[in-house]
Amino acid sequence: MAEILFPCLFILLALGVPVAFAMAISVFAAVSFGSTYPDIVLVKEMFSGLDSFPLLAVPFFILAAEIMTGGAITQAVLRLAQSLVGHLRGGLGHANVVSSAMFAGISGSALADAAGPGTMMIRMMEKGGYDRAYAGALTIASSVVGPIIPPSITMIIYAMQDQNVSVGSLFMAGVLPGLVITLAVLIANGRMSHLRGYASGAPMPGMAEIARIAFYAVPALLLILLIVGGIRFGVFTPTEASVIAVFYALIVGMFVYRSLKLRHLPDIILRAALTSAAVLLILGAARAFAWILIIEGIPQFLAETIIAWDLSPIVFLLAVNLLLLVFGLFMDPLPGVMILVPILAPISFALGIDPNHFAIIVIVNLTLGLTTPPVGSLIFIVSSTVALKPSTLIREMPPFFIALALALLAITFVPVLSTWLPEVSGF
């Protein structure tokens, strides 16, 4: 089956077939022409991959993000980010990066960050004298923190593949690495703004004005504390937290900011349903794909081979980084997690690498794949937003690629960034 599975997958991806369909068709071809299993096993495995209580968190977090990213809530976060850093050189660019970090605690998705506040920041930066392509490239880079700072859909899926971690521990493990990535992109933007002469966005407001803006944004930003704090202190499970996030978002949108009306809900629910369907289709196809790998003994073979090489943890992590970066060129994070984690996580655990640390390395690596061609979903979302060719955006990306690579190295070789918060939080 493997001799049919992989060539079929690569050919379909090269032809531009969506990842979910490419995996499902490849599995169907492998089962039909490379085995004696009935074709119905494909459907069975896809549904088995979705028959999980923790997966209920995915559509609810997506719905909460859709509710929270509308109207006044978005404006409140953007105004706070601009008031904090807008007065610095390259201030509008800094506000773009900071607002992405804040929205990561609401959306849990890089694509949602880029399509929501990122789009608004690009328009603001262009009006402020920034090159449109540069603003788009900065948005691509800053949106990487979406799945790193909790809540994170990718972390929920990862925890289902590795029994040595929990959703709560991964949520805590992602906070500091997310801030490291944010800092790296801020430094890159500051350097490029100095070279290109991008001025500050506006004078620094007074402390009273900053306090007023921050107070207005507090209800939106409290969502991350509600989710992480509730999970940490055992008040509710991650799945229950996702439902509570929906009700909190409804209350904030309807009664605090008063920007959400009942007539908006059908469209919001439809968008969330379509996004959830796309995510779950990918997960179902990835589960069937992973089933063939297990049946063929590929994870066991690779694990035994790598362990036989007697690699040190440092060399293993370097090799994993290279593997994941290459894998991320062709596949989105969610199927990447479902396919690779069952193979790599047991090896890293056998080598004595902290499971939370390794999980963050995997998630960051695969998320960086969203910024690189040929699949690079962030590139195509932003290119459609700014009406520029993807190649134009890619030409502006090298400074941010360097910043993200340095952040990845720091996350890889400074384990305490990923392990300290889970440890002090009792995970």
Protein backbone atom coordinates (compact mmCIF):
# COMPACT_ATOMS: atom_id res chain seq x y z
CA MET A 1 0.00 0.00 0.00
CA ALA A 2 2.82 2.43 0.81
CA GLU A 3 4.22 2.06 -2.73
CA ILE A 4 0.93 3.43 -4.05
CA LEU A 5 0.11 5.85 -1.19
CA PHE A 6 3.11 8.17 -1.32
CA PRO A 7 3.53 8.60 -5.12
CA CYS A 8 -0.21 9.22 -5.45
CA LEU A 9 -0.15 11.82 -2.65
CA PHE A 10 2.83 13.72 -4.09
CA ILE A 11 1.34 13.76 -7.59
CA LEU A 12 -2.00 15.08 -6.35
CA LEU A 13 -0.36 17.77 -4.21
CA ALA A 14 1.79 18.81 -7.18
CA LEU A 15 -1.39 19.15 -9.25
CA GLY A 16 -2.83 21.50 -6.64
CA VAL A 17 -5.48 19.14 -5.23
CA PRO A 18 -6.56 20.27 -1.71
CA VAL A 19 -4.74 18.38 1.03
CA ALA A 20 -7.83 16.62 2.44
CA PHE A 21 -8.87 15.28 -0.97
CA ALA A 22 -5.29 14.39 -1.91
CA MET A 23 -4.93 12.24 1.23
CA ALA A 24 -8.37 10.64 0.88
CA ILE A 25 -7.84 9.77 -2.80
CA SER A 26 -4.36 8.40 -2.05
CA VAL A 27 -5.73 6.20 0.73
CA PHE A 28 -8.53 4.99 -1.53
CA ALA A 29 -6.04 4.10 -4.28
CA ALA A 30 -3.74 2.32 -1.82
CA VAL A 31 -6.57 0.27 -0.30
CA SER A 32 -8.19 -0.53 -3.67
CA PHE A 33 -5.09 -1.50 -5.61
CA GLY A 34 -2.55 -2.44 -2.95
CA SER A 35 -4.46 -4.55 -0.47
CA THR A 36 -7.29 -7.01 0.03
CA TYR A 37 -9.13 -4.72 2.47
CA PRO A 38 -12.63 -3.63 1.38
CA ASP A 39 -12.95 -0.01 0.28
CA ILE A 40 -15.38 0.69 3.11
CA VAL A 41 -12.43 0.60 5.51
CA LEU A 42 -11.52 4.10 4.27
CA VAL A 43 -14.87 5.48 5.43
CA LYS A 44 -14.63 3.55 8.71
CA GLU A 45 -11.20 4.98 9.53
CA MET A 46 -12.22 8.52 8.60
CA PHE A 47 -15.21 8.36 10.92
CA SER A 48 -13.14 6.71 13.66
CA GLY A 49 -10.77 9.67 13.51
CA LEU A 50 -13.65 12.04 14.18
CA ASP A 51 -15.38 9.96 16.87
CA SER A 52 -13.70 11.71 19.77
CA PHE A 53 -15.09 13.85 22.59
CA PRO A 54 -12.04 16.19 22.74
CA LEU A 55 -12.60 17.02 19.04
CA LEU A 56 -15.83 18.79 20.00
CA ALA A 57 -13.58 21.63 21.17
CA VAL A 58 -12.57 22.39 17.58
CA PRO A 59 -15.92 23.64 16.19
CA PHE A 60 -16.73 25.47 19.42
CA PHE A 61 -13.40 27.33 19.52
CA ILE A 62 -13.87 28.20 15.84
CA LEU A 63 -17.36 29.54 16.61
CA ALA A 64 -16.06 31.55 19.58
CA ALA A 65 -13.37 33.07 17.37
CA GLU A 66 -15.93 34.00 14.70
CA ILE A 67 -18.06 35.75 17.32
CA MET A 68 -15.12 37.54 18.95
CA THR A 69 -13.46 38.77 15.76
CA GLY A 70 -16.30 40.98 14.62
CA GLY A 71 -16.79 44.73 14.78
CA ALA A 72 -16.00 46.54 18.02
CA ILE A 73 -14.05 43.63 19.50
CA THR A 74 -11.49 43.76 16.68
CA GLN A 75 -11.29 47.53 16.91
CA ALA A 76 -10.70 47.40 20.67
CA VAL A 77 -7.70 45.08 20.33
CA LEU A 78 -6.21 47.04 17.43
CA ARG A 79 -6.57 50.35 19.29
CA LEU A 80 -4.83 48.90 22.35
CA ALA A 81 -1.95 47.55 20.26
CA GLN A 82 -1.54 50.87 18.49
CA SER A 83 -1.62 52.84 21.75
CA LEU A 84 1.17 50.68 23.21
CA VAL A 85 3.63 50.61 20.30
CA GLY A 86 2.26 52.92 17.59
CA HIS A 87 4.55 55.80 18.65
CA LEU A 88 7.76 53.82 17.94
CA ARG A 89 9.57 53.85 14.60
CA GLY A 90 7.65 51.46 12.41
CA GLY A 91 4.82 51.84 14.92
CA LEU A 92 1.99 50.66 12.68
CA GLY A 93 4.04 47.57 11.86
CA HIS A 94 4.63 46.96 15.56
CA ALA A 95 0.88 47.38 16.17
CA ASN A 96 0.27 44.74 13.50
CA VAL A 97 2.54 42.27 15.33
CA VAL A 98 1.18 43.01 18.81
CA SER A 99 -2.43 42.80 17.66
CA SER A 100 -1.70 39.39 16.11
CA ALA A 101 -0.31 38.18 19.44
CA MET A 102 -3.40 39.46 21.25
CA PHE A 103 -5.75 37.90 18.72
CA ALA A 104 -3.92 34.58 18.99
CA GLY A 105 -5.48 34.32 22.44
CA ILE A 106 -8.90 34.66 20.84
CA SER A 107 -8.79 32.82 17.52
CA GLY A 108 -6.23 30.00 17.95
CA SER A 109 -5.62 30.08 14.20
CA ALA A 110 -2.96 31.71 12.03
CA LEU A 111 -5.35 31.94 9.10
CA ALA A 112 -8.01 33.68 11.21
CA ASP A 113 -5.42 36.20 12.45
CA ALA A 114 -4.36 37.03 8.90
CA ALA A 115 -7.89 37.23 7.50
CA GLY A 116 -9.30 39.26 10.41
CA PRO A 117 -7.15 41.87 12.20
CA GLY A 118 -4.32 41.34 9.73
CA THR A 119 -6.46 42.63 6.86
CA MET A 120 -7.41 45.74 8.81
CA MET A 121 -3.80 46.41 9.81
CA ILE A 122 -2.60 46.12 6.21
CA ARG A 123 -5.02 48.89 5.19
CA MET A 124 -3.91 51.06 8.11
CA MET A 125 -0.22 50.52 7.29
CA GLU A 126 -0.72 51.37 3.62
CA LYS A 127 -2.48 54.62 4.56
CA GLY A 128 0.42 55.34 6.92
CA GLY A 129 2.97 55.22 4.08
CA TYR A 130 4.08 51.58 4.24
CA ASP A 131 4.59 49.58 1.07
CA ARG A 132 1.59 47.28 0.57
CA ALA A 133 3.75 44.22 -0.11
CA TYR A 134 5.79 44.86 3.05
CA ALA A 135 2.61 45.21 5.12
CA GLY A 136 1.36 41.92 3.69
CA ALA A 137 4.63 40.11 4.40
CA LEU A 138 4.67 41.41 7.97
CA THR A 139 1.11 40.17 8.46
CA ILE A 140 2.11 36.71 7.21
CA ALA A 141 5.00 36.57 9.69
CA SER A 142 3.06 37.97 12.66
CA SER A 143 0.15 35.55 12.12
CA VAL A 144 2.41 32.58 12.90
CA VAL A 145 1.70 33.02 16.63
CA GLY A 146 -2.00 32.15 16.09
CA PRO A 147 -1.64 28.41 16.88
CA ILE A 148 1.18 28.93 19.41
CA ILE A 149 -0.42 31.22 22.00
CA PRO A 150 -3.44 29.43 23.53
CA PRO A 151 -6.11 28.49 22.76
CA SER A 152 -4.88 26.47 19.80
CA ILE A 153 -6.73 24.01 17.59
CA THR A 154 -3.41 22.46 16.56
CA MET A 155 -2.54 21.77 20.21
CA ILE A 156 -5.86 20.01 20.75
CA ILE A 157 -5.15 17.71 17.81
CA TYR A 158 -1.55 17.14 18.97
CA ALA A 159 -2.70 16.08 22.46
CA MET A 160 -4.89 13.42 20.83
CA GLN A 161 -1.83 11.92 19.11
CA ASP A 162 0.58 11.89 22.08
CA GLN A 163 -0.52 10.47 25.42
CA ASN A 164 2.43 12.09 27.21
CA VAL A 165 0.93 15.58 26.95
CA SER A 166 -2.42 17.17 27.71
CA VAL A 167 -4.25 20.08 26.13
CA GLY A 168 -3.76 22.10 29.32
CA SER A 169 0.00 21.49 29.46
CA LEU A 170 0.38 22.42 25.78
CA PHE A 171 -1.63 25.61 26.27
CA MET A 172 0.77 26.65 29.03
CA ALA A 173 3.83 25.51 27.06
CA GLY A 174 2.92 27.72 24.10
CA VAL A 175 2.80 31.07 25.91
CA LEU A 176 6.52 31.91 26.15
CA PRO A 177 7.45 30.52 22.69
CA GLY A 178 4.62 32.62 21.26
CA LEU A 179 6.08 35.71 22.92
CA VAL A 180 9.56 34.81 21.60
CA ILE A 181 8.19 34.65 18.05
CA THR A 182 6.39 37.97 18.57
CA LEU A 183 9.59 39.61 19.83
CA ALA A 184 11.61 38.27 16.88
CA VAL A 185 9.14 39.69 14.35
CA LEU A 186 9.03 43.02 16.24
CA ILE A 187 12.82 43.28 16.01
CA ALA A 188 12.76 42.45 12.30
CA ASN A 189 10.08 45.08 11.69
CA GLY A 190 12.02 47.66 13.69
CA ARG A 191 15.16 46.99 11.66
CA MET A 192 13.36 47.15 8.31
CA SER A 193 11.44 50.29 9.35
CA HIS A 194 14.76 51.98 10.18
CA LEU A 195 16.27 51.01 6.82
CA ARG A 196 13.20 52.13 4.86
CA GLY A 197 12.44 55.22 6.88
CA TYR A 198 9.00 54.18 8.08
CA ALA A 199 7.96 56.67 10.73
CA SER A 200 5.86 56.20 13.82
CA GLY A 201 2.12 55.91 13.41
CA ALA A 202 1.09 58.58 15.91
CA PRO A 203 2.30 60.38 19.03
CA MET A 204 2.27 58.30 22.19
CA PRO A 205 -1.01 58.87 24.03
CA GLY A 206 -1.00 59.84 27.68
CA MET A 207 -1.17 57.23 30.39
CA ALA A 208 -4.79 58.10 31.13
CA GLU A 209 -5.71 57.52 27.48
CA ILE A 210 -3.80 54.21 27.37
CA ALA A 211 -5.56 53.09 30.55
CA ARG A 212 -8.94 53.99 29.03
CA ILE A 213 -8.20 52.07 25.82
CA ALA A 214 -6.86 49.09 27.80
CA PHE A 215 -9.96 49.04 30.00
CA TYR A 216 -12.15 48.97 26.88
CA ALA A 217 -10.16 46.00 25.49
CA VAL A 218 -10.08 43.97 28.73
CA PRO A 219 -13.32 42.02 28.09
CA ALA A 220 -11.95 40.76 24.76
CA LEU A 221 -8.56 39.81 26.19
CA LEU A 222 -10.00 38.08 29.26
CA LEU A 223 -10.99 35.12 27.09
CA ILE A 224 -7.48 33.61 27.18
CA LEU A 225 -7.34 33.92 30.99
CA LEU A 226 -10.76 32.32 31.26
CA ILE A 227 -9.76 29.35 29.11
CA VAL A 228 -6.25 28.72 30.43
CA GLY A 229 -7.14 29.52 34.06
CA GLY A 230 -10.24 27.34 34.02
CA ILE A 231 -8.32 24.38 32.60
CA ARG A 232 -5.36 24.91 34.93
CA PHE A 233 -7.47 24.94 38.10
CA GLY A 234 -9.64 22.03 37.00
CA VAL A 235 -12.85 24.05 36.73
CA PHE A 236 -13.59 22.58 33.31
CA THR A 237 -12.04 20.40 30.61
CA PRO A 238 -10.72 21.84 27.31
CA THR A 239 -13.91 20.71 25.55
CA GLU A 240 -16.07 22.39 28.19
CA ALA A 241 -13.83 25.46 27.95
CA SER A 242 -14.63 25.76 24.24
CA VAL A 243 -18.38 25.86 24.96
CA ILE A 244 -17.88 28.39 27.76
CA ALA A 245 -15.81 30.50 25.32
CA VAL A 246 -18.78 30.61 22.94
CA PHE A 247 -21.16 31.83 25.66
CA TYR A 248 -18.57 34.34 26.89
CA ALA A 249 -18.08 35.65 23.36
CA LEU A 250 -21.85 36.03 22.94
CA ILE A 251 -22.17 37.95 26.21
CA VAL A 252 -19.24 40.24 25.41
CA GLY A 253 -20.37 40.87 21.84
CA MET A 254 -24.04 41.47 22.64
CA PHE A 255 -24.02 43.15 26.06
CA VAL A 256 -20.54 44.65 26.59
CA TYR A 257 -19.50 45.96 23.17
CA ARG A 258 -23.06 45.76 21.76
CA SER A 259 -21.70 45.18 18.27
CA LEU A 260 -23.25 41.72 17.90
CA LYS A 261 -26.91 41.48 16.93
CA LEU A 262 -29.13 38.43 16.71
CA ARG A 263 -29.42 38.94 12.94
CA HIS A 264 -25.62 38.42 12.67
CA LEU A 265 -25.69 34.95 14.24
CA PRO A 266 -26.87 32.90 11.22
CA ASP A 267 -23.97 34.15 9.08
CA ILE A 268 -21.48 33.66 11.93
CA ILE A 269 -22.69 30.10 12.57
CA LEU A 270 -22.55 29.31 8.85
CA ARG A 271 -18.95 30.54 8.57
CA ALA A 272 -17.95 28.56 11.65
CA ALA A 273 -19.68 25.45 10.31
CA LEU A 274 -17.90 25.69 6.95
CA THR A 275 -14.53 26.20 8.62
CA SER A 276 -15.17 23.33 11.04
CA ALA A 277 -16.22 21.05 8.19
CA ALA A 278 -13.00 21.81 6.31
CA VAL A 279 -10.87 21.14 9.41
CA LEU A 280 -12.67 17.91 10.29
CA LEU A 281 -12.46 16.66 6.69
CA ILE A 282 -8.68 17.10 6.86
CA LEU A 283 -8.56 15.28 10.21
CA GLY A 284 -10.65 12.38 8.92
CA ALA A 285 -8.47 11.96 5.83
CA ALA A 286 -5.33 12.23 7.93
CA ARG A 287 -6.61 9.52 10.28
CA ALA A 288 -7.14 7.12 7.33
CA PHE A 289 -3.70 8.06 5.99
CA ALA A 290 -2.10 7.37 9.38
CA TRP A 291 -3.93 4.02 9.56
CA ILE A 292 -2.17 2.82 6.40
CA LEU A 293 1.19 3.93 7.79
CA ILE A 294 0.56 1.87 10.93
CA ILE A 295 -0.68 -1.17 8.98
CA GLU A 296 2.45 -1.03 6.82
CA GLY A 297 4.66 -0.74 9.92
CA ILE A 298 6.28 2.48 8.74
CA PRO A 299 6.29 4.28 12.13
CA GLN A 300 7.80 1.24 13.85
CA PHE A 301 10.42 0.83 11.13
CA LEU A 302 11.45 4.48 11.24
CA ALA A 303 11.54 4.50 15.04
CA GLU A 304 13.76 1.42 15.19
CA THR A 305 16.04 2.82 12.47
CA ILE A 306 16.48 6.20 14.12
CA ILE A 307 17.04 4.71 17.58
CA ALA A 308 19.66 2.38 16.06
CA TRP A 309 21.58 5.42 14.85
CA ASP A 310 22.12 6.34 18.53
CA LEU A 311 21.64 10.06 17.91
CA SER A 312 22.10 12.57 20.70
CA PRO A 313 19.01 14.63 21.57
CA ILE A 314 20.55 17.75 19.99
CA VAL A 315 21.30 16.03 16.68
CA PHE A 316 17.84 14.43 16.71
CA LEU A 317 16.16 17.82 17.23
CA LEU A 318 18.17 19.34 14.39
CA ALA A 319 17.14 16.49 12.11
CA VAL A 320 13.52 16.84 13.19
CA ASN A 321 13.56 20.57 12.47
CA LEU A 322 14.82 19.97 8.95
CA LEU A 323 12.30 17.18 8.37
CA LEU A 324 9.37 19.22 9.62
CA LEU A 325 10.35 22.35 7.69
CA VAL A 326 10.51 20.32 4.47
CA PHE A 327 7.24 18.54 5.33
CA GLY A 328 5.59 21.88 6.03
CA LEU A 329 6.35 23.04 2.49
CA PHE A 330 3.77 20.60 1.18
CA MET A 331 1.24 20.02 3.96
CA ASP A 332 -0.80 22.06 6.45
CA PRO A 333 -0.14 21.72 10.22
CA LEU A 334 -3.19 19.59 11.15
CA PRO A 335 -2.54 16.63 8.82
CA GLY A 336 1.17 17.03 9.54
CA VAL A 337 0.54 16.57 13.25
CA MET A 338 -1.66 13.51 12.72
CA ILE A 339 0.82 11.82 10.39
CA LEU A 340 4.18 12.67 11.99
CA VAL A 341 3.53 12.86 15.74
CA PRO A 342 2.78 9.12 16.18
CA ILE A 343 6.15 8.47 14.51
CA LEU A 344 8.38 11.10 16.10
CA ALA A 345 6.94 11.62 19.60
CA PRO A 346 7.82 8.12 20.93
CA ILE A 347 11.39 8.51 19.64
CA SER A 348 11.82 11.91 21.31
CA PHE A 349 10.42 10.50 24.56
CA ALA A 350 12.86 7.58 24.41
CA LEU A 351 15.71 10.09 23.99
CA GLY A 352 14.65 11.92 27.15
CA ILE A 353 13.25 15.05 25.46
CA ASP A 354 10.45 16.72 27.41
CA PRO A 355 7.13 15.94 25.66
CA ASN A 356 5.83 19.50 25.97
CA HIS A 357 9.07 20.89 24.58
CA PHE A 358 8.99 18.53 21.62
CA ALA A 359 5.32 19.30 20.97
CA ILE A 360 5.99 23.03 20.68
CA ILE A 361 8.92 22.38 18.32
CA VAL A 362 6.65 20.32 16.06
CA ILE A 363 3.79 22.82 16.12
CA VAL A 364 6.03 25.84 15.44
CA ASN A 365 7.82 24.06 12.60
CA LEU A 366 4.62 22.98 10.87
CA THR A 367 3.05 26.41 11.37
CA LEU A 368 6.04 28.02 9.66
CA GLY A 369 5.05 25.96 6.62
CA LEU A 370 2.05 28.28 6.27
CA THR A 371 4.49 31.08 5.35
CA THR A 372 6.42 29.20 2.65
CA PRO A 373 5.50 28.18 -0.91
CA PRO A 374 4.23 26.10 -2.62
CA VAL A 375 1.33 25.38 -0.19
CA GLY A 376 1.75 28.41 2.17
CA SER A 377 -1.87 29.14 3.02
CA LEU A 378 -1.02 32.45 4.72
CA ILE A 379 0.63 33.69 1.53
CA PHE A 380 -2.47 33.06 -0.56
CA ILE A 381 -4.89 34.51 2.00
CA VAL A 382 -2.88 37.73 2.31
CA SER A 383 -2.22 37.98 -1.44
CA SER A 384 -5.96 37.93 -2.10
CA THR A 385 -6.42 40.57 0.61
CA VAL A 386 -3.82 43.01 -0.73
CA ALA A 387 -4.44 42.19 -4.43
CA LEU A 388 -0.79 41.29 -5.07
CA LYS A 389 0.83 38.25 -6.62
CA PRO A 390 2.17 35.72 -4.08
CA SER A 391 5.64 36.12 -5.62
CA THR A 392 5.58 39.83 -4.72
CA LEU A 393 4.89 39.00 -1.07
CA ILE A 394 7.51 36.26 -1.01
CA ARG A 395 10.20 38.75 -2.13
CA GLU A 396 9.49 40.76 1.03
CA MET A 397 9.68 37.75 3.35
CA PRO A 398 13.47 37.05 3.80
CA PRO A 399 13.98 39.36 6.84
CA PHE A 400 11.02 37.71 8.55
CA PHE A 401 12.15 34.21 7.57
CA ILE A 402 15.45 34.97 9.34
CA ALA A 403 13.62 36.26 12.43
CA LEU A 404 11.32 33.23 12.56
CA ALA A 405 14.26 30.85 12.06
CA LEU A 406 16.15 32.44 14.97
CA ALA A 407 13.03 32.18 17.14
CA LEU A 408 12.73 28.50 16.20
CA LEU A 409 16.34 27.87 17.18
CA ALA A 410 15.76 29.56 20.55
CA ILE A 411 12.64 27.47 21.15
CA THR A 412 14.52 24.30 20.14
CA PHE A 413 17.66 24.75 22.22
CA VAL A 414 16.24 26.59 25.24
CA PRO A 415 13.79 23.97 26.55
CA VAL A 416 12.83 26.06 29.58
CA LEU A 417 10.80 28.32 27.28
CA SER A 418 8.39 25.43 26.73
CA THR A 419 8.69 23.59 30.04
CA TRP A 420 8.74 26.26 32.75
CA LEU A 421 5.09 27.34 32.68
CA PRO A 422 3.69 23.78 32.53
CA GLU A 423 5.90 22.83 35.48
CA VAL A 424 4.98 25.79 37.70
CA SER A 425 1.32 25.30 36.73
CA GLY A 426 1.35 21.72 37.97
CA PHE A 427 1.13 19.90 34.63
